[in-house]
Amino acid sequence: MSAKPFGEADKTVDAREIDGEPFGEIMTALEDLSADEALLLINSFEPEPLYAVIDERGFEHETANPASDEWHVKITQA
């Protein structure tokens, strides 16, 4: 795995390690996120459809692509 472009996060969800659809696990992690915490989502592709969902729920995100098959999305409360 490549270096984390956002440093350490309070919580991490690595969607590459989840069998099946990771959406539920991502949403649960976001619900458990306190106002001063950050969630790092790691995925094998850019999760563009997720951006609108998290924006609607009051979160903001930063995205990095540290490797050709690795995307990191740092999610915090807006």
N, C-alpha and C. Protein backbone atom coordinates (compact mmCIF):
# COMPACT_ATOMS: atom_id res chain seq x y z
N MET A 1 0.84 -1.17 0.00
CA MET A 1 0.00 0.00 0.00
C MET A 1 0.89 1.23 0.00
N SER A 2 0.46 2.26 -0.66
CA SER A 2 1.24 3.49 -0.72
C SER A 2 1.01 4.33 0.53
N ALA A 3 1.78 5.38 0.66
CA ALA A 3 1.66 6.28 1.81
C ALA A 3 0.30 6.95 1.84
N LYS A 4 -0.14 7.31 3.03
CA LYS A 4 -1.42 7.99 3.17
C LYS A 4 -1.22 9.48 2.90
N PRO A 5 -1.82 10.02 1.86
CA PRO A 5 -1.61 11.42 1.51
C PRO A 5 -2.18 12.40 2.53
N PHE A 6 -3.11 11.96 3.37
CA PHE A 6 -3.73 12.84 4.36
C PHE A 6 -3.22 12.56 5.77
N GLY A 7 -2.20 11.75 5.91
CA GLY A 7 -1.72 11.38 7.23
C GLY A 7 -2.67 10.39 7.88
N GLU A 8 -2.64 10.36 9.18
CA GLU A 8 -3.51 9.43 9.92
C GLU A 8 -4.91 10.01 10.04
N ALA A 9 -5.89 9.15 10.00
CA ALA A 9 -7.29 9.54 10.19
C ALA A 9 -7.79 8.91 11.48
N ASP A 10 -8.88 9.46 12.01
CA ASP A 10 -9.46 8.91 13.23
C ASP A 10 -10.06 7.54 12.98
N LYS A 11 -10.67 7.38 11.80
CA LYS A 11 -11.28 6.11 11.41
C LYS A 11 -10.93 5.85 9.95
N THR A 12 -10.83 4.58 9.61
CA THR A 12 -10.52 4.19 8.23
C THR A 12 -11.47 3.10 7.79
N VAL A 13 -11.99 3.24 6.57
CA VAL A 13 -12.75 2.18 5.92
C VAL A 13 -12.01 1.86 4.63
N ASP A 14 -11.50 0.64 4.53
CA ASP A 14 -10.84 0.20 3.31
C ASP A 14 -11.84 -0.64 2.53
N ALA A 15 -12.47 -0.02 1.54
CA ALA A 15 -13.53 -0.68 0.77
C ALA A 15 -12.99 -1.87 -0.01
N ARG A 16 -11.71 -1.92 -0.25
CA ARG A 16 -11.11 -3.04 -0.98
C ARG A 16 -11.17 -4.32 -0.18
N GLU A 17 -11.32 -4.21 1.14
CA GLU A 17 -11.35 -5.39 2.00
C GLU A 17 -12.77 -5.85 2.34
N ILE A 18 -13.78 -5.19 1.78
CA ILE A 18 -15.17 -5.51 2.09
C ILE A 18 -15.75 -6.38 0.98
N ASP A 19 -16.31 -7.53 1.38
CA ASP A 19 -17.01 -8.37 0.40
C ASP A 19 -18.36 -7.74 0.12
N GLY A 20 -18.67 -7.54 -1.13
CA GLY A 20 -19.96 -6.95 -1.49
C GLY A 20 -19.92 -5.44 -1.48
N GLU A 21 -21.09 -4.85 -1.39
CA GLU A 21 -21.28 -3.40 -1.47
C GLU A 21 -20.80 -2.72 -0.18
N PRO A 22 -19.87 -1.76 -0.25
CA PRO A 22 -19.36 -1.12 0.97
C PRO A 22 -20.18 0.07 1.46
N PHE A 23 -21.22 0.46 0.73
CA PHE A 23 -21.96 1.68 1.05
C PHE A 23 -22.47 1.69 2.49
N GLY A 24 -23.06 0.61 2.95
CA GLY A 24 -23.60 0.55 4.31
C GLY A 24 -22.53 0.76 5.37
N GLU A 25 -21.40 0.13 5.18
CA GLU A 25 -20.31 0.28 6.15
C GLU A 25 -19.76 1.71 6.15
N ILE A 26 -19.69 2.32 4.98
CA ILE A 26 -19.23 3.70 4.89
C ILE A 26 -20.21 4.63 5.61
N MET A 27 -21.50 4.45 5.39
CA MET A 27 -22.51 5.30 6.02
C MET A 27 -22.52 5.11 7.54
N THR A 28 -22.35 3.89 8.00
CA THR A 28 -22.28 3.64 9.44
C THR A 28 -21.08 4.36 10.05
N ALA A 29 -19.94 4.29 9.38
CA ALA A 29 -18.74 4.97 9.88
C ALA A 29 -18.95 6.48 9.93
N LEU A 30 -19.64 7.03 8.94
CA LEU A 30 -19.92 8.47 8.94
C LEU A 30 -20.87 8.86 10.05
N GLU A 31 -21.87 8.03 10.31
CA GLU A 31 -22.82 8.31 11.39
C GLU A 31 -22.13 8.33 12.74
N ASP A 32 -21.09 7.52 12.90
CA ASP A 32 -20.36 7.43 14.16
C ASP A 32 -19.25 8.48 14.30
N LEU A 33 -19.07 9.31 13.25
CA LEU A 33 -18.00 10.30 13.24
C LEU A 33 -18.40 11.52 14.07
N SER A 34 -17.55 11.90 15.01
CA SER A 34 -17.83 13.11 15.78
C SER A 34 -17.38 14.33 14.98
N ALA A 35 -17.76 15.51 15.45
CA ALA A 35 -17.54 16.75 14.70
C ALA A 35 -16.06 17.03 14.40
N ASP A 36 -15.16 16.56 15.26
CA ASP A 36 -13.74 16.87 15.07
C ASP A 36 -12.94 15.69 14.50
N GLU A 37 -13.62 14.65 14.06
CA GLU A 37 -12.94 13.47 13.53
C GLU A 37 -12.98 13.45 12.00
N ALA A 38 -12.06 12.67 11.44
CA ALA A 38 -11.99 12.48 9.99
C ALA A 38 -12.05 10.98 9.68
N LEU A 39 -12.73 10.66 8.60
CA LEU A 39 -12.80 9.29 8.10
C LEU A 39 -11.97 9.21 6.83
N LEU A 40 -11.11 8.22 6.75
CA LEU A 40 -10.36 7.96 5.53
C LEU A 40 -10.99 6.77 4.83
N LEU A 41 -11.48 6.99 3.64
CA LEU A 41 -12.01 5.92 2.80
C LEU A 41 -10.94 5.57 1.77
N ILE A 42 -10.61 4.29 1.68
CA ILE A 42 -9.64 3.81 0.69
C ILE A 42 -10.40 2.92 -0.27
N ASN A 43 -10.21 3.16 -1.56
CA ASN A 43 -10.94 2.41 -2.57
C ASN A 43 -10.03 2.15 -3.77
N SER A 44 -10.42 1.21 -4.60
CA SER A 44 -9.63 0.88 -5.79
C SER A 44 -10.01 1.75 -6.99
N PHE A 45 -11.04 2.58 -6.85
CA PHE A 45 -11.45 3.51 -7.90
C PHE A 45 -11.99 4.75 -7.24
N GLU A 46 -12.08 5.85 -7.99
CA GLU A 46 -12.63 7.08 -7.41
C GLU A 46 -14.13 6.90 -7.20
N PRO A 47 -14.61 7.04 -5.97
CA PRO A 47 -16.02 6.80 -5.67
C PRO A 47 -16.89 8.03 -5.94
N GLU A 48 -16.89 8.48 -7.19
CA GLU A 48 -17.60 9.71 -7.55
C GLU A 48 -19.08 9.72 -7.15
N PRO A 49 -19.84 8.64 -7.29
CA PRO A 49 -21.25 8.68 -6.88
C PRO A 49 -21.43 8.96 -5.38
N LEU A 50 -20.44 8.63 -4.58
CA LEU A 50 -20.52 8.84 -3.14
C LEU A 50 -20.46 10.32 -2.78
N TYR A 51 -19.80 11.13 -3.59
CA TYR A 51 -19.59 12.54 -3.26
C TYR A 51 -20.91 13.28 -3.04
N ALA A 52 -21.87 13.10 -3.92
CA ALA A 52 -23.16 13.79 -3.77
C ALA A 52 -23.88 13.34 -2.51
N VAL A 53 -23.79 12.06 -2.19
CA VAL A 53 -24.45 11.52 -0.99
C VAL A 53 -23.85 12.14 0.26
N ILE A 54 -22.53 12.18 0.35
CA ILE A 54 -21.93 12.72 1.57
C ILE A 54 -22.13 14.23 1.65
N ASP A 55 -22.14 14.92 0.52
CA ASP A 55 -22.42 16.36 0.53
C ASP A 55 -23.82 16.63 1.07
N GLU A 56 -24.79 15.84 0.63
CA GLU A 56 -26.17 16.00 1.08
C GLU A 56 -26.30 15.75 2.58
N ARG A 57 -25.43 14.94 3.14
CA ARG A 57 -25.51 14.58 4.56
C ARG A 57 -24.65 15.49 5.44
N GLY A 58 -24.11 16.57 4.85
CA GLY A 58 -23.39 17.55 5.63
C GLY A 58 -21.91 17.29 5.83
N PHE A 59 -21.31 16.53 4.91
CA PHE A 59 -19.88 16.25 4.99
C PHE A 59 -19.17 16.90 3.81
N GLU A 60 -17.87 17.06 3.95
CA GLU A 60 -17.04 17.51 2.84
C GLU A 60 -15.91 16.51 2.66
N HIS A 61 -15.27 16.56 1.50
CA HIS A 61 -14.24 15.56 1.23
C HIS A 61 -13.07 16.15 0.46
N GLU A 62 -11.94 15.49 0.60
CA GLU A 62 -10.75 15.73 -0.21
C GLU A 62 -10.36 14.38 -0.80
N THR A 63 -9.90 14.40 -2.04
CA THR A 63 -9.56 13.14 -2.71
C THR A 63 -8.12 13.17 -3.19
N ALA A 64 -7.45 12.04 -3.05
CA ALA A 64 -6.09 11.88 -3.58
C ALA A 64 -6.00 10.53 -4.27
N ASN A 65 -5.11 10.45 -5.23
CA ASN A 65 -4.90 9.22 -6.00
C ASN A 65 -3.42 8.84 -5.91
N PRO A 66 -3.02 8.22 -4.77
CA PRO A 66 -1.60 7.94 -4.56
C PRO A 66 -1.03 6.82 -5.42
N ALA A 67 -1.89 6.00 -6.03
CA ALA A 67 -1.44 4.93 -6.92
C ALA A 67 -2.52 4.72 -7.98
N SER A 68 -2.16 4.09 -9.07
CA SER A 68 -3.11 3.96 -10.18
C SER A 68 -4.38 3.22 -9.80
N ASP A 69 -4.30 2.33 -8.83
CA ASP A 69 -5.46 1.55 -8.41
C ASP A 69 -5.85 1.82 -6.96
N GLU A 70 -5.53 3.03 -6.48
CA GLU A 70 -5.79 3.35 -5.08
C GLU A 70 -6.24 4.81 -4.94
N TRP A 71 -7.40 4.99 -4.34
CA TRP A 71 -7.97 6.32 -4.11
C TRP A 71 -8.20 6.50 -2.62
N HIS A 72 -7.84 7.66 -2.10
CA HIS A 72 -8.06 8.00 -0.71
C HIS A 72 -9.01 9.19 -0.66
N VAL A 73 -10.04 9.08 0.16
CA VAL A 73 -11.01 10.16 0.33
C VAL A 73 -11.08 10.48 1.82
N LYS A 74 -10.67 11.69 2.18
CA LYS A 74 -10.76 12.13 3.57
C LYS A 74 -12.10 12.85 3.71
N ILE A 75 -12.92 12.38 4.65
CA ILE A 75 -14.26 12.91 4.84
C ILE A 75 -14.37 13.49 6.25
N THR A 76 -14.85 14.74 6.30
CA THR A 76 -15.06 15.43 7.57
C THR A 76 -16.43 16.11 7.54
N GLN A 77 -16.92 16.46 8.73
CA GLN A 77 -18.16 17.20 8.77
C GLN A 77 -17.92 18.63 8.27
N ALA A 78 -18.87 19.12 7.50
CA ALA A 78 -18.74 20.46 6.91
C ALA A 78 -18.91 21.54 7.97
